[in-house]
Amino acid sequence: MIITFDEISARIRKAARRRGGDLVLTADSDLSELGLSSLEIADLVYGLEDSLDIVLDPAQAANVRTVGDLVALANAAAEQRA
């Protein structure tokens, strides 16, 4: 299974819309600058695990800084699951 940038960015946009934001995202977009709290980012990460049936390494998840980092981490977890 390949998890795409579009899948991840759609989830981030959905989370941001709850706060009234409309985002333009790139792989280099910094998660801390998207207006999401650390709790919302954690919720996003755990939501990805549940919906995609993957397990993200907590230590690596804590080091995710950009949308591209999150896509790479999700794909690494999907590869391990396969």
PDB file of N, CA and C in Angstrom:
ATOM      1  N   MET A   1       0.844  -1.173   0.000  1.00  0.00           N
ATOM      2  CA  MET A   1       0.000   0.000   0.000  1.00  0.00           C
ATOM      3  C   MET A   1       0.892   1.239   0.000  1.00  0.00           C
ATOM      4  N   ILE A   2       0.583   2.167  -0.876  1.00  0.00           N
ATOM      5  CA  ILE A   2       1.297   3.437  -0.907  1.00  0.00           C
ATOM      6  C   ILE A   2       0.352   4.516  -0.395  1.00  0.00           C
ATOM      7  N   ILE A   3       0.827   5.267   0.563  1.00  0.00           N
ATOM      8  CA  ILE A   3       0.052   6.360   1.139  1.00  0.00           C
ATOM      9  C   ILE A   3       0.544   7.642   0.480  1.00  0.00           C
ATOM     10  N   THR A   4      -0.348   8.352  -0.153  1.00  0.00           N
ATOM     11  CA  THR A   4       0.055   9.502  -0.953  1.00  0.00           C
ATOM     12  C   THR A   4       0.046  10.806  -0.159  1.00  0.00           C
ATOM     13  N   PHE A   5       0.761  11.761  -0.715  1.00  0.00           N
ATOM     14  CA  PHE A   5       0.764  13.115  -0.164  1.00  0.00           C
ATOM     15  C   PHE A   5      -0.661  13.652  -0.116  1.00  0.00           C
ATOM     16  N   ASP A   6      -1.437  13.392  -1.166  1.00  0.00           N
ATOM     17  CA  ASP A   6      -2.810  13.894  -1.225  1.00  0.00           C
ATOM     18  C   ASP A   6      -3.670  13.335  -0.094  1.00  0.00           C
ATOM     19  N   GLU A   7      -3.493  12.052   0.236  1.00  0.00           N
ATOM     20  CA  GLU A   7      -4.252  11.458   1.339  1.00  0.00           C
ATOM     21  C   GLU A   7      -3.931  12.147   2.662  1.00  0.00           C
ATOM     22  N   ILE A   8      -2.648  12.323   2.913  1.00  0.00           N
ATOM     23  CA  ILE A   8      -2.220  12.944   4.170  1.00  0.00           C
ATOM     24  C   ILE A   8      -2.636  14.410   4.207  1.00  0.00           C
ATOM     25  N   SER A   9      -2.423  15.130   3.120  1.00  0.00           N
ATOM     26  CA  SER A   9      -2.752  16.556   3.122  1.00  0.00           C
ATOM     27  C   SER A   9      -4.255  16.779   3.255  1.00  0.00           C
ATOM     28  N   ALA A  10      -5.075  15.889   2.708  1.00  0.00           N
ATOM     29  CA  ALA A  10      -6.530  16.013   2.870  1.00  0.00           C
ATOM     30  C   ALA A  10      -6.914  15.906   4.341  1.00  0.00           C
ATOM     31  N   ARG A  11      -6.261  15.021   5.059  1.00  0.00           N
ATOM     32  CA  ARG A  11      -6.548  14.867   6.490  1.00  0.00           C
ATOM     33  C   ARG A  11      -6.092  16.098   7.275  1.00  0.00           C
ATOM     34  N   ILE A  12      -4.970  16.653   6.877  1.00  0.00           N
ATOM     35  CA  ILE A  12      -4.476  17.861   7.548  1.00  0.00           C
ATOM     36  C   ILE A  12      -5.420  19.032   7.273  1.00  0.00           C
ATOM     37  N   ARG A  13      -5.861  19.165   6.032  1.00  0.00           N
ATOM     38  CA  ARG A  13      -6.799  20.246   5.689  1.00  0.00           C
ATOM     39  C   ARG A  13      -8.096  20.106   6.475  1.00  0.00           C
ATOM     40  N   LYS A  14      -8.571  18.882   6.615  1.00  0.00           N
ATOM     41  CA  LYS A  14      -9.802  18.639   7.371  1.00  0.00           C
ATOM     42  C   LYS A  14      -9.623  19.083   8.820  1.00  0.00           C
ATOM     43  N   ALA A  15      -8.501  18.739   9.414  1.00  0.00           N
ATOM     44  CA  ALA A  15      -8.233  19.148  10.800  1.00  0.00           C
ATOM     45  C   ALA A  15      -8.134  20.665  10.909  1.00  0.00           C
ATOM     46  N   ALA A  16      -7.521  21.302   9.927  1.00  0.00           N
ATOM     47  CA  ALA A  16      -7.360  22.762   9.952  1.00  0.00           C
ATOM     48  C   ALA A  16      -8.693  23.469   9.745  1.00  0.00           C
ATOM     49  N   ARG A  17      -9.572  22.893   8.938  1.00  0.00           N
ATOM     50  CA  ARG A  17     -10.877  23.514   8.696  1.00  0.00           C
ATOM     51  C   ARG A  17     -11.698  23.611   9.964  1.00  0.00           C
ATOM     52  N   ARG A  18     -11.515  22.654  10.859  1.00  0.00           N
ATOM     53  CA  ARG A  18     -12.225  22.717  12.138  1.00  0.00           C
ATOM     54  C   ARG A  18     -11.858  23.984  12.895  1.00  0.00           C
ATOM     55  N   ARG A  19     -10.695  24.525  12.580  1.00  0.00           N
ATOM     56  CA  ARG A  19     -10.245  25.766  13.225  1.00  0.00           C
ATOM     57  C   ARG A  19     -10.486  26.974  12.335  1.00  0.00           C
ATOM     58  N   GLY A  20     -11.105  26.755  11.188  1.00  0.00           N
ATOM     59  CA  GLY A  20     -11.408  27.858  10.287  1.00  0.00           C
ATOM     60  C   GLY A  20     -10.314  28.167   9.295  1.00  0.00           C
ATOM     61  N   GLY A  21      -9.350  27.268   9.142  1.00  0.00           N
ATOM     62  CA  GLY A  21      -8.250  27.516   8.212  1.00  0.00           C
ATOM     63  C   GLY A  21      -8.455  26.825   6.881  1.00  0.00           C
ATOM     64  N   ASP A  22      -7.895  27.384   5.831  1.00  0.00           N
ATOM     65  CA  ASP A  22      -7.883  26.762   4.513  1.00  0.00           C
ATOM     66  C   ASP A  22      -6.434  26.783   4.048  1.00  0.00           C
ATOM     67  N   LEU A  23      -5.824  25.619   3.940  1.00  0.00           N
ATOM     68  CA  LEU A  23      -4.382  25.533   3.741  1.00  0.00           C
ATOM     69  C   LEU A  23      -3.970  25.188   2.322  1.00  0.00           C
ATOM     70  N   VAL A  24      -2.841  25.724   1.933  1.00  0.00           N
ATOM     71  CA  VAL A  24      -2.125  25.278   0.744  1.00  0.00           C
ATOM     72  C   VAL A  24      -0.898  24.558   1.281  1.00  0.00           C
ATOM     73  N   LEU A  25      -0.802  23.269   0.985  1.00  0.00           N
ATOM     74  CA  LEU A  25       0.260  22.455   1.564  1.00  0.00           C
ATOM     75  C   LEU A  25       1.252  21.988   0.511  1.00  0.00           C
ATOM     76  N   THR A  26       2.502  21.878   0.939  1.00  0.00           N
ATOM     77  CA  THR A  26       3.548  21.233   0.156  1.00  0.00           C
ATOM     78  C   THR A  26       4.196  20.200   1.064  1.00  0.00           C
ATOM     79  N   ALA A  27       5.066  19.391   0.508  1.00  0.00           N
ATOM     80  CA  ALA A  27       5.779  18.405   1.320  1.00  0.00           C
ATOM     81  C   ALA A  27       6.632  19.081   2.383  1.00  0.00           C
ATOM     82  N   ASP A  28       7.047  20.317   2.124  1.00  0.00           N
ATOM     83  CA  ASP A  28       7.891  21.046   3.071  1.00  0.00           C
ATOM     84  C   ASP A  28       7.106  21.866   4.090  1.00  0.00           C
ATOM     85  N   SER A  29       5.785  21.835   4.025  1.00  0.00           N
ATOM     86  CA  SER A  29       4.981  22.597   4.987  1.00  0.00           C
ATOM     87  C   SER A  29       5.256  22.094   6.394  1.00  0.00           C
ATOM     88  N   ASP A  30       5.594  23.019   7.272  1.00  0.00           N
ATOM     89  CA  ASP A  30       5.922  22.692   8.658  1.00  0.00           C
ATOM     90  C   ASP A  30       4.632  22.515   9.451  1.00  0.00           C
ATOM     91  N   LEU A  31       4.463  21.353  10.060  1.00  0.00           N
ATOM     92  CA  LEU A  31       3.239  21.073  10.810  1.00  0.00           C
ATOM     93  C   LEU A  31       3.015  22.070  11.940  1.00  0.00           C
ATOM     94  N   SER A  32       4.086  22.546  12.543  1.00  0.00           N
ATOM     95  CA  SER A  32       3.934  23.473  13.665  1.00  0.00           C
ATOM     96  C   SER A  32       3.451  24.850  13.217  1.00  0.00           C
ATOM     97  N   GLU A  33       3.533  25.127  11.929  1.00  0.00           N
ATOM     98  CA  GLU A  33       3.114  26.430  11.408  1.00  0.00           C
ATOM     99  C   GLU A  33       1.732  26.396  10.758  1.00  0.00           C
ATOM    100  N   LEU A  34       1.020  25.288  10.902  1.00  0.00           N
ATOM    101  CA  LEU A  34      -0.273  25.140  10.240  1.00  0.00           C
ATOM    102  C   LEU A  34      -1.445  25.558  11.115  1.00  0.00           C
ATOM    103  N   GLY A  35      -1.168  26.052  12.296  1.00  0.00           N
ATOM    104  CA  GLY A  35      -2.246  26.469  13.182  1.00  0.00           C
ATOM    105  C   GLY A  35      -2.875  25.330  13.956  1.00  0.00           C
ATOM    106  N   LEU A  36      -2.245  24.159  13.923  1.00  0.00           N
ATOM    107  CA  LEU A  36      -2.749  23.012  14.676  1.00  0.00           C
ATOM    108  C   LEU A  36      -1.982  22.898  15.986  1.00  0.00           C
ATOM    109  N   SER A  37      -2.695  22.589  17.035  1.00  0.00           N
ATOM    110  CA  SER A  37      -2.032  22.387  18.323  1.00  0.00           C
ATOM    111  C   SER A  37      -1.307  21.047  18.311  1.00  0.00           C
ATOM    112  N   SER A  38      -0.431  20.846  19.273  1.00  0.00           N
ATOM    113  CA  SER A  38       0.274  19.562  19.362  1.00  0.00           C
ATOM    114  C   SER A  38      -0.723  18.429  19.592  1.00  0.00           C
ATOM    115  N   LEU A  39      -1.791  18.698  20.305  1.00  0.00           N
ATOM    116  CA  LEU A  39      -2.824  17.685  20.529  1.00  0.00           C
ATOM    117  C   LEU A  39      -3.532  17.344  19.212  1.00  0.00           C
ATOM    118  N   GLU A  40      -3.808  18.345  18.388  1.00  0.00           N
ATOM    119  CA  GLU A  40      -4.443  18.096  17.095  1.00  0.00           C
ATOM    120  C   GLU A  40      -3.513  17.323  16.166  1.00  0.00           C
ATOM    121  N   ILE A  41      -2.232  17.610  16.224  1.00  0.00           N
ATOM    122  CA  ILE A  41      -1.264  16.866  15.411  1.00  0.00           C
ATOM    123  C   ILE A  41      -1.198  15.418  15.882  1.00  0.00           C
ATOM    124  N   ALA A  42      -1.180  15.205  17.194  1.00  0.00           N
ATOM    125  CA  ALA A  42      -1.178  13.840  17.731  1.00  0.00           C
ATOM    126  C   ALA A  42      -2.451  13.106  17.311  1.00  0.00           C
ATOM    127  N   ASP A  43      -3.590  13.794  17.356  1.00  0.00           N
ATOM    128  CA  ASP A  43      -4.856  13.200  16.941  1.00  0.00           C
ATOM    129  C   ASP A  43      -4.805  12.818  15.459  1.00  0.00           C
ATOM    130  N   LEU A  44      -4.190  13.651  14.655  1.00  0.00           N
ATOM    131  CA  LEU A  44      -4.016  13.375  13.236  1.00  0.00           C
ATOM    132  C   LEU A  44      -3.181  12.110  13.036  1.00  0.00           C
ATOM    133  N   VAL A  45      -2.076  12.013  13.753  1.00  0.00           N
ATOM    134  CA  VAL A  45      -1.187  10.851  13.647  1.00  0.00           C
ATOM    135  C   VAL A  45      -1.917   9.576  14.062  1.00  0.00           C
ATOM    136  N   TYR A  46      -2.617   9.617  15.196  1.00  0.00           N
ATOM    137  CA  TYR A  46      -3.321   8.419  15.660  1.00  0.00           C
ATOM    138  C   TYR A  46      -4.499   8.081  14.755  1.00  0.00           C
ATOM    139  N   GLY A  47      -5.129   9.091  14.184  1.00  0.00           N
ATOM    140  CA  GLY A  47      -6.201   8.849  13.227  1.00  0.00           C
ATOM    141  C   GLY A  47      -5.694   8.148  11.977  1.00  0.00           C
ATOM    142  N   LEU A  48      -4.495   8.524  11.543  1.00  0.00           N
ATOM    143  CA  LEU A  48      -3.877   7.845  10.398  1.00  0.00           C
ATOM    144  C   LEU A  48      -3.651   6.374  10.710  1.00  0.00           C
ATOM    145  N   GLU A  49      -3.151   6.105  11.899  1.00  0.00           N
ATOM    146  CA  GLU A  49      -2.919   4.713  12.290  1.00  0.00           C
ATOM    147  C   GLU A  49      -4.210   3.911  12.211  1.00  0.00           C
ATOM    148  N   ASP A  50      -5.265   4.454  12.786  1.00  0.00           N
ATOM    149  CA  ASP A  50      -6.537   3.730  12.814  1.00  0.00           C
ATOM    150  C   ASP A  50      -7.121   3.524  11.422  1.00  0.00           C
ATOM    151  N   SER A  51      -7.192   4.587  10.645  1.00  0.00           N
ATOM    152  CA  SER A  51      -7.868   4.489   9.354  1.00  0.00           C
ATOM    153  C   SER A  51      -7.060   3.735   8.307  1.00  0.00           C
ATOM    154  N   LEU A  52      -5.743   3.774   8.410  1.00  0.00           N
ATOM    155  CA  LEU A  52      -4.895   3.100   7.426  1.00  0.00           C
ATOM    156  C   LEU A  52      -4.383   1.753   7.917  1.00  0.00           C
ATOM    157  N   ASP A  53      -4.748   1.398   9.137  1.00  0.00           N
ATOM    158  CA  ASP A  53      -4.335   0.129   9.745  1.00  0.00           C
ATOM    159  C   ASP A  53      -2.817  -0.032   9.723  1.00  0.00           C
ATOM    160  N   ILE A  54      -2.144   1.011  10.218  1.00  0.00           N
ATOM    161  CA  ILE A  54      -0.690   0.995  10.336  1.00  0.00           C
ATOM    162  C   ILE A  54      -0.316   1.356  11.765  1.00  0.00           C
ATOM    163  N   VAL A  55       0.926   1.104  12.122  1.00  0.00           N
ATOM    164  CA  VAL A  55       1.438   1.493  13.433  1.00  0.00           C
ATOM    165  C   VAL A  55       2.671   2.356  13.203  1.00  0.00           C
ATOM    166  N   LEU A  56       2.589   3.600  13.646  1.00  0.00           N
ATOM    167  CA  LEU A  56       3.709   4.525  13.502  1.00  0.00           C
ATOM    168  C   LEU A  56       4.603   4.427  14.724  1.00  0.00           C
ATOM    169  N   ASP A  57       5.898   4.392  14.503  1.00  0.00           N
ATOM    170  CA  ASP A  57       6.857   4.348  15.595  1.00  0.00           C
ATOM    171  C   ASP A  57       6.740   5.644  16.397  1.00  0.00           C
ATOM    172  N   PRO A  58       6.435   5.554  17.707  1.00  0.00           N
ATOM    173  CA  PRO A  58       6.232   6.766  18.509  1.00  0.00           C
ATOM    174  C   PRO A  58       7.441   7.697  18.526  1.00  0.00           C
ATOM    175  N   ALA A  59       8.644   7.142  18.580  1.00  0.00           N
ATOM    176  CA  ALA A  59       9.845   7.980  18.609  1.00  0.00           C
ATOM    177  C   ALA A  59      10.005   8.728  17.288  1.00  0.00           C
ATOM    178  N   GLN A  60       9.743   8.035  16.196  1.00  0.00           N
ATOM    179  CA  GLN A  60       9.835   8.689  14.893  1.00  0.00           C
ATOM    180  C   GLN A  60       8.696   9.684  14.697  1.00  0.00           C
ATOM    181  N   ALA A  61       7.509   9.350  15.167  1.00  0.00           N
ATOM    182  CA  ALA A  61       6.366  10.258  15.043  1.00  0.00           C
ATOM    183  C   ALA A  61       6.618  11.557  15.796  1.00  0.00           C
ATOM    184  N   ALA A  62       7.312  11.469  16.913  1.00  0.00           N
ATOM    185  CA  ALA A  62       7.620  12.666  17.699  1.00  0.00           C
ATOM    186  C   ALA A  62       8.567  13.599  16.953  1.00  0.00           C
ATOM    187  N   ASN A  63       9.317  13.057  15.995  1.00  0.00           N
ATOM    188  CA  ASN A  63      10.277  13.861  15.237  1.00  0.00           C
ATOM    189  C   ASN A  63       9.740  14.370  13.901  1.00  0.00           C
ATOM    190  N   VAL A  64       8.486  14.069  13.598  1.00  0.00           N
ATOM    191  CA  VAL A  64       7.883  14.532  12.349  1.00  0.00           C
ATOM    192  C   VAL A  64       7.733  16.048  12.411  1.00  0.00           C
ATOM    193  N   ARG A  65       8.253  16.730  11.399  1.00  0.00           N
ATOM    194  CA  ARG A  65       8.188  18.197  11.361  1.00  0.00           C
ATOM    195  C   ARG A  65       7.383  18.719  10.176  1.00  0.00           C
ATOM    196  N   THR A  66       7.414  17.990   9.061  1.00  0.00           N
ATOM    197  CA  THR A  66       6.757  18.477   7.848  1.00  0.00           C
ATOM    198  C   THR A  66       5.720  17.470   7.353  1.00  0.00           C
ATOM    199  N   VAL A  67       4.902  17.927   6.428  1.00  0.00           N
ATOM    200  CA  VAL A  67       3.925  17.037   5.807  1.00  0.00           C
ATOM    201  C   VAL A  67       4.655  15.892   5.109  1.00  0.00           C
ATOM    202  N   GLY A  68       5.743  16.192   4.442  1.00  0.00           N
ATOM    203  CA  GLY A  68       6.532  15.156   3.771  1.00  0.00           C
ATOM    204  C   GLY A  68       7.083  14.124   4.742  1.00  0.00           C
ATOM    205  N   ASP A  69       7.508  14.587   5.926  1.00  0.00           N
ATOM    206  CA  ASP A  69       7.977  13.657   6.963  1.00  0.00           C
ATOM    207  C   ASP A  69       6.867  12.686   7.351  1.00  0.00           C
ATOM    208  N   LEU A  70       5.652  13.212   7.494  1.00  0.00           N
ATOM    209  CA  LEU A  70       4.521  12.379   7.896  1.00  0.00           C
ATOM    210  C   LEU A  70       4.170  11.377   6.803  1.00  0.00           C
ATOM    211  N   VAL A  71       4.220  11.800   5.560  1.00  0.00           N
ATOM    212  CA  VAL A  71       3.964  10.890   4.436  1.00  0.00           C
ATOM    213  C   VAL A  71       5.012   9.773   4.424  1.00  0.00           C
ATOM    214  N   ALA A  72       6.277  10.135   4.590  1.00  0.00           N
ATOM    215  CA  ALA A  72       7.357   9.140   4.591  1.00  0.00           C
ATOM    216  C   ALA A  72       7.203   8.157   5.745  1.00  0.00           C
ATOM    217  N   LEU A  73       6.863   8.667   6.922  1.00  0.00           N
ATOM    218  CA  LEU A  73       6.688   7.800   8.085  1.00  0.00           C
ATOM    219  C   LEU A  73       5.515   6.846   7.880  1.00  0.00           C
ATOM    220  N   ALA A  74       4.410   7.354   7.344  1.00  0.00           N
ATOM    221  CA  ALA A  74       3.242   6.506   7.095  1.00  0.00           C
ATOM    222  C   ALA A  74       3.572   5.428   6.066  1.00  0.00           C
ATOM    223  N   ASN A  75       4.321   5.776   5.040  1.00  0.00           N
ATOM    224  CA  ASN A  75       4.695   4.782   4.032  1.00  0.00           C
ATOM    225  C   ASN A  75       5.659   3.744   4.581  1.00  0.00           C
ATOM    226  N   ALA A  76       6.574   4.160   5.445  1.00  0.00           N
ATOM    227  CA  ALA A  76       7.485   3.199   6.078  1.00  0.00           C
ATOM    228  C   ALA A  76       6.688   2.212   6.927  1.00  0.00           C
ATOM    229  N   ALA A  77       5.698   2.709   7.641  1.00  0.00           N
ATOM    230  CA  ALA A  77       4.861   1.833   8.468  1.00  0.00           C
ATOM    231  C   ALA A  77       4.034   0.893   7.595  1.00  0.00           C
ATOM    232  N   ALA A  78       3.541   1.394   6.472  1.00  0.00           N
ATOM    233  CA  ALA A  78       2.759   0.554   5.561  1.00  0.00           C
ATOM    234  C   ALA A  78       3.624  -0.545   4.952  1.00  0.00           C
ATOM    235  N   GLU A  79       4.880  -0.223   4.641  1.00  0.00           N
ATOM    236  CA  GLU A  79       5.799  -1.227   4.093  1.00  0.00           C
ATOM    237  C   GLU A  79       6.076  -2.324   5.109  1.00  0.00           C
ATOM    238  N   GLN A  80       6.226  -1.955   6.373  1.00  0.00           N
ATOM    239  CA  GLN A  80       6.476  -2.951   7.415  1.00  0.00           C
ATOM    240  C   GLN A  80       5.273  -3.858   7.597  1.00  0.00           C
ATOM    241  N   ARG A  81       4.100  -3.312   7.383  1.00  0.00           N
ATOM    242  CA  ARG A  81       2.871  -4.074   7.554  1.00  0.00           C
ATOM    243  C   ARG A  81       2.670  -5.071   6.418  1.00  0.00           C
ATOM    244  N   ALA A  82       3.172  -4.729   5.233  1.00  0.00           N
ATOM    245  CA  ALA A  82       2.943  -5.571   4.039  1.00  0.00           C
ATOM    246  C   ALA A  82       3.654  -6.895   4.119  1.00  0.00           C
TER     247      ALA A  82
END
